[in-house]
């Protein structure tokens, strides 16, 4: 059994998140979408109350076959570091292979032990050596083979575009979100007047 953990702030969940899930769903027996809790190193994870983030994540990912939404962090108002998250899923599924979905920017500098994993993640050196990674790259961004962790596969997704930061900036400017966010999330954001401050 192969399980992929897709962690992130999903603040808000965007079309590119759905593109990643759609591209990988046939490669894994289960994809766990794991919205992270409050993080000191990622202020964007902290700008909405947990209720809104859970409801948006459930709206986007709930009901997709083979996709499991795990809101442990949001429910418990904690942050689970990747090393602890790995252990948790190893305990839940002792015979499964656990993979972590990350963007190519996360491994940049890996050959010099200067990747975000090395610099920011708790127990980053251990994680780099031990974890399985599915690395997502987009057009215009090249992941150098020398920067890849030892247990990694590279998946290129054509046409992937957008980020939570881009969405929040567009909201602040009063610009359209068409093409970046699912219509039901645009409606949710508007109804709850999110990301306006």
C-alpha atoms as a PDB file:
ATOM      1  CA  UNK A   1       0.000   0.000   0.000  1.00  0.00           C
ATOM      2  CA  UNK A   2       1.311   3.448  -0.967  1.00  0.00           C
ATOM      3  CA  UNK A   3       0.078   6.482   0.959  1.00  0.00           C
ATOM      4  CA  UNK A   4       0.925  10.044  -0.027  1.00  0.00           C
ATOM      5  CA  UNK A   5       0.777  12.830   2.539  1.00  0.00           C
ATOM      6  CA  UNK A   6      -0.024  16.176   0.944  1.00  0.00           C
ATOM      7  CA  UNK A   7       0.619  18.762   3.633  1.00  0.00           C
ATOM      8  CA  UNK A   8       0.241  22.499   3.350  1.00  0.00           C
ATOM      9  CA  UNK A   9      -1.657  25.514   4.581  1.00  0.00           C
ATOM     10  CA  UNK A  10      -4.356  25.236   1.846  1.00  0.00           C
ATOM     11  CA  UNK A  11      -5.227  28.795   2.725  1.00  0.00           C
ATOM     12  CA  UNK A  12      -7.290  28.760   0.601  1.00  0.00           C
ATOM     13  CA  UNK A  13      -7.444  25.447  -1.283  1.00  0.00           C
ATOM     14  CA  UNK A  14      -6.752  26.307  -4.928  1.00  0.00           C
ATOM     15  CA  UNK A  15      -7.111  24.768  -8.358  1.00  0.00           C
ATOM     16  CA  UNK A  16      -3.427  23.834  -8.438  1.00  0.00           C
ATOM     17  CA  UNK A  17      -3.942  21.696  -5.316  1.00  0.00           C
ATOM     18  CA  UNK A  18      -6.694  19.826  -7.148  1.00  0.00           C
ATOM     19  CA  UNK A  19      -4.420  19.443 -10.193  1.00  0.00           C
ATOM     20  CA  UNK A  20      -1.762  17.830  -8.019  1.00  0.00           C
ATOM     21  CA  UNK A  21      -4.267  15.414  -6.471  1.00  0.00           C
ATOM     22  CA  UNK A  22      -5.708  14.522  -9.885  1.00  0.00           C
ATOM     23  CA  UNK A  23      -2.237  13.891 -11.316  1.00  0.00           C
ATOM     24  CA  UNK A  24      -1.152  11.658  -8.427  1.00  0.00           C
ATOM     25  CA  UNK A  25      -4.337   9.827  -7.509  1.00  0.00           C
ATOM     26  CA  UNK A  26      -3.529   6.867  -9.751  1.00  0.00           C
ATOM     27  CA  UNK A  27      -0.024   6.493  -8.307  1.00  0.00           C
ATOM     28  CA  UNK A  28      -1.167   5.976  -4.704  1.00  0.00           C
ATOM     29  CA  UNK A  29      -3.699   3.894  -2.839  1.00  0.00           C
ATOM     30  CA  UNK A  30      -4.543   6.888  -0.653  1.00  0.00           C
ATOM     31  CA  UNK A  31      -3.715  10.595  -0.648  1.00  0.00           C
ATOM     32  CA  UNK A  32      -3.942  12.262   2.757  1.00  0.00           C
ATOM     33  CA  UNK A  33      -4.553  16.015   2.553  1.00  0.00           C
ATOM     34  CA  UNK A  34      -3.176  17.453   5.786  1.00  0.00           C
ATOM     35  CA  UNK A  35      -3.788  21.174   6.468  1.00  0.00           C
ATOM     36  CA  UNK A  36      -1.114  22.306   8.888  1.00  0.00           C
ATOM     37  CA  UNK A  37      -1.783  24.036  12.177  1.00  0.00           C
ATOM     38  CA  UNK A  38      -0.316  27.295  13.432  1.00  0.00           C
ATOM     39  CA  UNK A  39       3.297  27.717  12.314  1.00  0.00           C
ATOM     40  CA  UNK A  40       5.804  30.342  13.366  1.00  0.00           C
ATOM     41  CA  UNK A  41       7.750  29.869  10.124  1.00  0.00           C
ATOM     42  CA  UNK A  42       4.679  30.208   7.863  1.00  0.00           C
ATOM     43  CA  UNK A  43       2.482  33.190   8.811  1.00  0.00           C
ATOM     44  CA  UNK A  44       0.033  32.425   5.989  1.00  0.00           C
ATOM     45  CA  UNK A  45      -1.096  29.354   7.937  1.00  0.00           C
ATOM     46  CA  UNK A  46      -2.245  31.551  10.808  1.00  0.00           C
ATOM     47  CA  UNK A  47      -4.444  34.200   9.184  1.00  0.00           C
ATOM     48  CA  UNK A  48      -7.818  32.438   9.418  1.00  0.00           C
ATOM     49  CA  UNK A  49      -9.574  30.655  12.248  1.00  0.00           C
ATOM     50  CA  UNK A  50      -9.506  26.880  11.991  1.00  0.00           C
ATOM     51  CA  UNK A  51     -13.244  26.592  11.234  1.00  0.00           C
ATOM     52  CA  UNK A  52     -12.932  28.396   7.901  1.00  0.00           C
ATOM     53  CA  UNK A  53      -9.886  26.402   6.844  1.00  0.00           C
ATOM     54  CA  UNK A  54     -11.544  23.080   7.710  1.00  0.00           C
ATOM     55  CA  UNK A  55     -14.760  23.940   5.901  1.00  0.00           C
ATOM     56  CA  UNK A  56     -12.932  25.070   2.757  1.00  0.00           C
ATOM     57  CA  UNK A  57     -10.692  21.985   2.747  1.00  0.00           C
ATOM     58  CA  UNK A  58     -13.708  19.708   3.179  1.00  0.00           C
ATOM     59  CA  UNK A  59     -15.558  21.518   0.383  1.00  0.00           C
ATOM     60  CA  UNK A  60     -12.670  20.991  -2.030  1.00  0.00           C
ATOM     61  CA  UNK A  61     -11.301  17.570  -1.059  1.00  0.00           C
ATOM     62  CA  UNK A  62     -14.187  15.817   0.683  1.00  0.00           C
ATOM     63  CA  UNK A  63     -15.754  13.085  -1.411  1.00  0.00           C
ATOM     64  CA  UNK A  64     -12.855  12.624  -3.851  1.00  0.00           C
ATOM     65  CA  UNK A  65     -12.236   8.869  -4.111  1.00  0.00           C
ATOM     66  CA  UNK A  66      -8.973   7.733  -2.478  1.00  0.00           C
ATOM     67  CA  UNK A  67      -8.493  11.158  -0.857  1.00  0.00           C
ATOM     68  CA  UNK A  68      -8.649  11.470   2.924  1.00  0.00           C
ATOM     69  CA  UNK A  69      -8.794  14.855   4.644  1.00  0.00           C
ATOM     70  CA  UNK A  70      -6.962  14.809   7.990  1.00  0.00           C
ATOM     71  CA  UNK A  71      -7.695  17.962  10.016  1.00  0.00           C
ATOM     72  CA  UNK A  72      -5.922  16.778  13.171  1.00  0.00           C
ATOM     73  CA  UNK A  73      -3.875  19.976  13.492  1.00  0.00           C
ATOM     74  CA  UNK A  74      -6.831  22.283  12.917  1.00  0.00           C
ATOM     75  CA  UNK A  75      -9.112  20.399  15.302  1.00  0.00           C
ATOM     76  CA  UNK A  76      -6.496  20.289  18.058  1.00  0.00           C
ATOM     77  CA  UNK A  77      -4.961  23.725  17.354  1.00  0.00           C
ATOM     78  CA  UNK A  78      -1.464  22.276  17.138  1.00  0.00           C
ATOM     79  CA  UNK A  79       1.273  21.883  14.560  1.00  0.00           C
ATOM     80  CA  UNK A  80       2.532  18.396  13.751  1.00  0.00           C
ATOM     81  CA  UNK A  81       6.082  18.479  12.325  1.00  0.00           C
ATOM     82  CA  UNK A  82       6.682  16.207   9.310  1.00  0.00           C
ATOM     83  CA  UNK A  83       8.784  13.746  11.331  1.00  0.00           C
ATOM     84  CA  UNK A  84       5.922  13.243  13.815  1.00  0.00           C
ATOM     85  CA  UNK A  85       3.398  13.045  10.985  1.00  0.00           C
ATOM     86  CA  UNK A  86       5.440  10.281   9.365  1.00  0.00           C
ATOM     87  CA  UNK A  87       5.488   8.330  12.639  1.00  0.00           C
ATOM     88  CA  UNK A  88       1.761   8.790  13.064  1.00  0.00           C
ATOM     89  CA  UNK A  89       0.990   7.274   9.666  1.00  0.00           C
ATOM     90  CA  UNK A  90       3.543   4.506  10.114  1.00  0.00           C
ATOM     91  CA  UNK A  91       1.648   3.555  13.269  1.00  0.00           C
ATOM     92  CA  UNK A  92      -1.726   3.764  11.543  1.00  0.00           C
ATOM     93  CA  UNK A  93      -0.568   1.771   8.495  1.00  0.00           C
ATOM     94  CA  UNK A  94       2.451  -0.344   9.577  1.00  0.00           C
ATOM     95  CA  UNK A  95       2.860  -2.109   6.223  1.00  0.00           C
ATOM     96  CA  UNK A  96       2.382   0.957   4.013  1.00  0.00           C
ATOM     97  CA  UNK A  97       4.950   2.983   2.107  1.00  0.00           C
ATOM     98  CA  UNK A  98       4.591   6.629   3.146  1.00  0.00           C
ATOM     99  CA  UNK A  99       5.412   9.362   0.626  1.00  0.00           C
ATOM    100  CA  UNK A 100       5.419  13.139   1.108  1.00  0.00           C
ATOM    101  CA  UNK A 101       4.282  15.473  -1.672  1.00  0.00           C
ATOM    102  CA  UNK A 102       6.366  18.650  -1.862  1.00  0.00           C
ATOM    103  CA  UNK A 103       7.099  21.369  -4.390  1.00  0.00           C
ATOM    104  CA  UNK A 104      10.426  21.598  -6.176  1.00  0.00           C
ATOM    105  CA  UNK A 105      11.313  24.767  -4.283  1.00  0.00           C
ATOM    106  CA  UNK A 106      11.422  22.784  -1.028  1.00  0.00           C
ATOM    107  CA  UNK A 107      14.410  20.702  -2.200  1.00  0.00           C
ATOM    108  CA  UNK A 108      16.354  23.485  -3.965  1.00  0.00           C
ATOM    109  CA  UNK A 109      19.870  23.589  -2.535  1.00  0.00           C
ATOM    110  CA  UNK A 110      19.711  19.991  -1.368  1.00  0.00           C
ATOM    111  CA  UNK A 111      23.149  19.140  -2.753  1.00  0.00           C
ATOM    112  CA  UNK A 112      24.639  21.709  -0.320  1.00  0.00           C
ATOM    113  CA  UNK A 113      22.349  20.688   2.556  1.00  0.00           C
ATOM    114  CA  UNK A 114      20.757  24.110   2.143  1.00  0.00           C
ATOM    115  CA  UNK A 115      17.223  23.087   1.165  1.00  0.00           C
ATOM    116  CA  UNK A 116      14.201  24.235   3.159  1.00  0.00           C
ATOM    117  CA  UNK A 117      14.027  20.706   4.551  1.00  0.00           C
ATOM    118  CA  UNK A 118      17.582  20.989   5.877  1.00  0.00           C
ATOM    119  CA  UNK A 119      17.254  24.568   7.144  1.00  0.00           C
ATOM    120  CA  UNK A 120      13.694  24.758   8.498  1.00  0.00           C
ATOM    121  CA  UNK A 121      12.203  21.335   9.133  1.00  0.00           C
ATOM    122  CA  UNK A 122      12.648  19.787  12.565  1.00  0.00           C
ATOM    123  CA  UNK A 123      15.107  16.866  12.185  1.00  0.00           C
ATOM    124  CA  UNK A 124      15.576  17.927   8.577  1.00  0.00           C
ATOM    125  CA  UNK A 125      18.766  15.925   7.980  1.00  0.00           C
ATOM    126  CA  UNK A 126      17.080  12.706   9.132  1.00  0.00           C
ATOM    127  CA  UNK A 127      13.996  13.455   7.043  1.00  0.00           C
ATOM    128  CA  UNK A 128      16.135  14.123   3.954  1.00  0.00           C
ATOM    129  CA  UNK A 129      17.845  10.753   4.265  1.00  0.00           C
ATOM    130  CA  UNK A 130      14.869   8.643   5.344  1.00  0.00           C
ATOM    131  CA  UNK A 131      11.625   9.952   3.810  1.00  0.00           C
ATOM    132  CA  UNK A 132      10.122   9.121   0.421  1.00  0.00           C
ATOM    133  CA  UNK A 133       9.316  12.268  -1.565  1.00  0.00           C
ATOM    134  CA  UNK A 134       7.145  12.944  -4.580  1.00  0.00           C
ATOM    135  CA  UNK A 135       8.451  16.264  -5.873  1.00  0.00           C
ATOM    136  CA  UNK A 136       6.116  18.388  -7.984  1.00  0.00           C
ATOM    137  CA  UNK A 137       7.622  20.714 -10.539  1.00  0.00           C
ATOM    138  CA  UNK A 138       5.912  23.170 -12.822  1.00  0.00           C
ATOM    139  CA  UNK A 139       6.852  24.669 -16.208  1.00  0.00           C
ATOM    140  CA  UNK A 140       9.619  27.239 -15.882  1.00  0.00           C
ATOM    141  CA  UNK A 141      11.029  25.732 -12.704  1.00  0.00           C
ATOM    142  CA  UNK A 142      13.764  23.102 -12.961  1.00  0.00           C
ATOM    143  CA  UNK A 143      14.671  20.720 -10.169  1.00  0.00           C
ATOM    144  CA  UNK A 144      18.316  19.726 -10.486  1.00  0.00           C
ATOM    145  CA  UNK A 145      18.932  15.979 -10.031  1.00  0.00           C
ATOM    146  CA  UNK A 146      21.752  16.766  -7.586  1.00  0.00           C
ATOM    147  CA  UNK A 147      19.242  18.539  -5.313  1.00  0.00           C
ATOM    148  CA  UNK A 148      16.950  15.522  -5.001  1.00  0.00           C
ATOM    149  CA  UNK A 149      16.717  13.549  -1.746  1.00  0.00           C
ATOM    150  CA  UNK A 150      17.895   9.922  -1.926  1.00  0.00           C
ATOM    151  CA  UNK A 151      14.343   8.487  -2.009  1.00  0.00           C
ATOM    152  CA  UNK A 152      12.482  10.727  -4.416  1.00  0.00           C
ATOM    153  CA  UNK A 153      10.535  10.806  -7.649  1.00  0.00           C
ATOM    154  CA  UNK A 154       9.985  13.891  -9.783  1.00  0.00           C
ATOM    155  CA  UNK A 155       6.564  14.581 -11.290  1.00  0.00           C
ATOM    156  CA  UNK A 156       6.106  17.396 -13.792  1.00  0.00           C
ATOM    157  CA  UNK A 157       2.609  18.862 -14.020  1.00  0.00           C
ATOM    158  CA  UNK A 158       1.920  20.879 -17.161  1.00  0.00           C
ATOM    159  CA  UNK A 159      -0.218  23.968 -16.877  1.00  0.00           C
ATOM    160  CA  UNK A 160      -0.078  24.185 -13.099  1.00  0.00           C
ATOM    161  CA  UNK A 161      -0.473  27.769 -11.957  1.00  0.00           C
ATOM    162  CA  UNK A 162      -1.240  29.766  -8.858  1.00  0.00           C
ATOM    163  CA  UNK A 163      -0.586  29.870  -5.131  1.00  0.00           C
ATOM    164  CA  UNK A 164      -2.389  30.819  -1.955  1.00  0.00           C
ATOM    165  CA  UNK A 165      -0.273  33.976  -1.800  1.00  0.00           C
ATOM    166  CA  UNK A 166      -1.405  34.976  -5.291  1.00  0.00           C
ATOM    167  CA  UNK A 167      -5.046  34.405  -4.356  1.00  0.00           C
ATOM    168  CA  UNK A 168      -4.794  36.471  -1.180  1.00  0.00           C
ATOM    169  CA  UNK A 169      -3.091  39.317  -3.067  1.00  0.00           C
ATOM    170  CA  UNK A 170      -5.812  39.313  -5.692  1.00  0.00           C
ATOM    171  CA  UNK A 171      -8.490  39.475  -2.998  1.00  0.00           C
ATOM    172  CA  UNK A 172      -6.714  42.409  -1.352  1.00  0.00           C
ATOM    173  CA  UNK A 173      -6.648  44.210  -4.735  1.00  0.00           C
ATOM    174  CA  UNK A 174     -10.253  43.371  -5.563  1.00  0.00           C
ATOM    175  CA  UNK A 175      -9.186  41.290  -8.568  1.00  0.00           C
ATOM    176  CA  UNK A 176     -10.832  38.219 -10.059  1.00  0.00           C
ATOM    177  CA  UNK A 177     -10.057  34.735  -8.712  1.00  0.00           C
ATOM    178  CA  UNK A 178     -11.331  32.970 -11.821  1.00  0.00           C
ATOM    179  CA  UNK A 179      -9.062  30.115 -12.819  1.00  0.00           C
ATOM    180  CA  UNK A 180      -7.217  30.087  -9.497  1.00  0.00           C
ATOM    181  CA  UNK A 181      -9.830  28.835  -7.037  1.00  0.00           C
ATOM    182  CA  UNK A 182     -12.847  26.516  -7.432  1.00  0.00           C
ATOM    183  CA  UNK A 183     -16.108  28.488  -7.828  1.00  0.00           C
ATOM    184  CA  UNK A 184     -17.571  27.124  -4.584  1.00  0.00           C
ATOM    185  CA  UNK A 185     -14.528  28.427  -2.686  1.00  0.00           C
ATOM    186  CA  UNK A 186     -14.813  31.838  -4.358  1.00  0.00           C
ATOM    187  CA  UNK A 187     -18.399  31.931  -3.121  1.00  0.00           C
ATOM    188  CA  UNK A 188     -17.358  30.829   0.388  1.00  0.00           C
ATOM    189  CA  UNK A 189     -14.626  33.484   0.567  1.00  0.00           C
ATOM    190  CA  UNK A 190     -17.051  36.193  -0.540  1.00  0.00           C
ATOM    191  CA  UNK A 191     -19.829  35.111   1.820  1.00  0.00           C
ATOM    192  CA  UNK A 192     -17.497  35.077   4.836  1.00  0.00           C
ATOM    193  CA  UNK A 193     -15.497  38.141   3.727  1.00  0.00           C
ATOM    194  CA  UNK A 194     -12.199  36.277   4.124  1.00  0.00           C
ATOM    195  CA  UNK A 195      -8.677  37.600   3.487  1.00  0.00           C
ATOM    196  CA  UNK A 196      -9.766  41.240   3.394  1.00  0.00           C
ATOM    197  CA  UNK A 197      -7.441  42.444   6.182  1.00  0.00           C
END
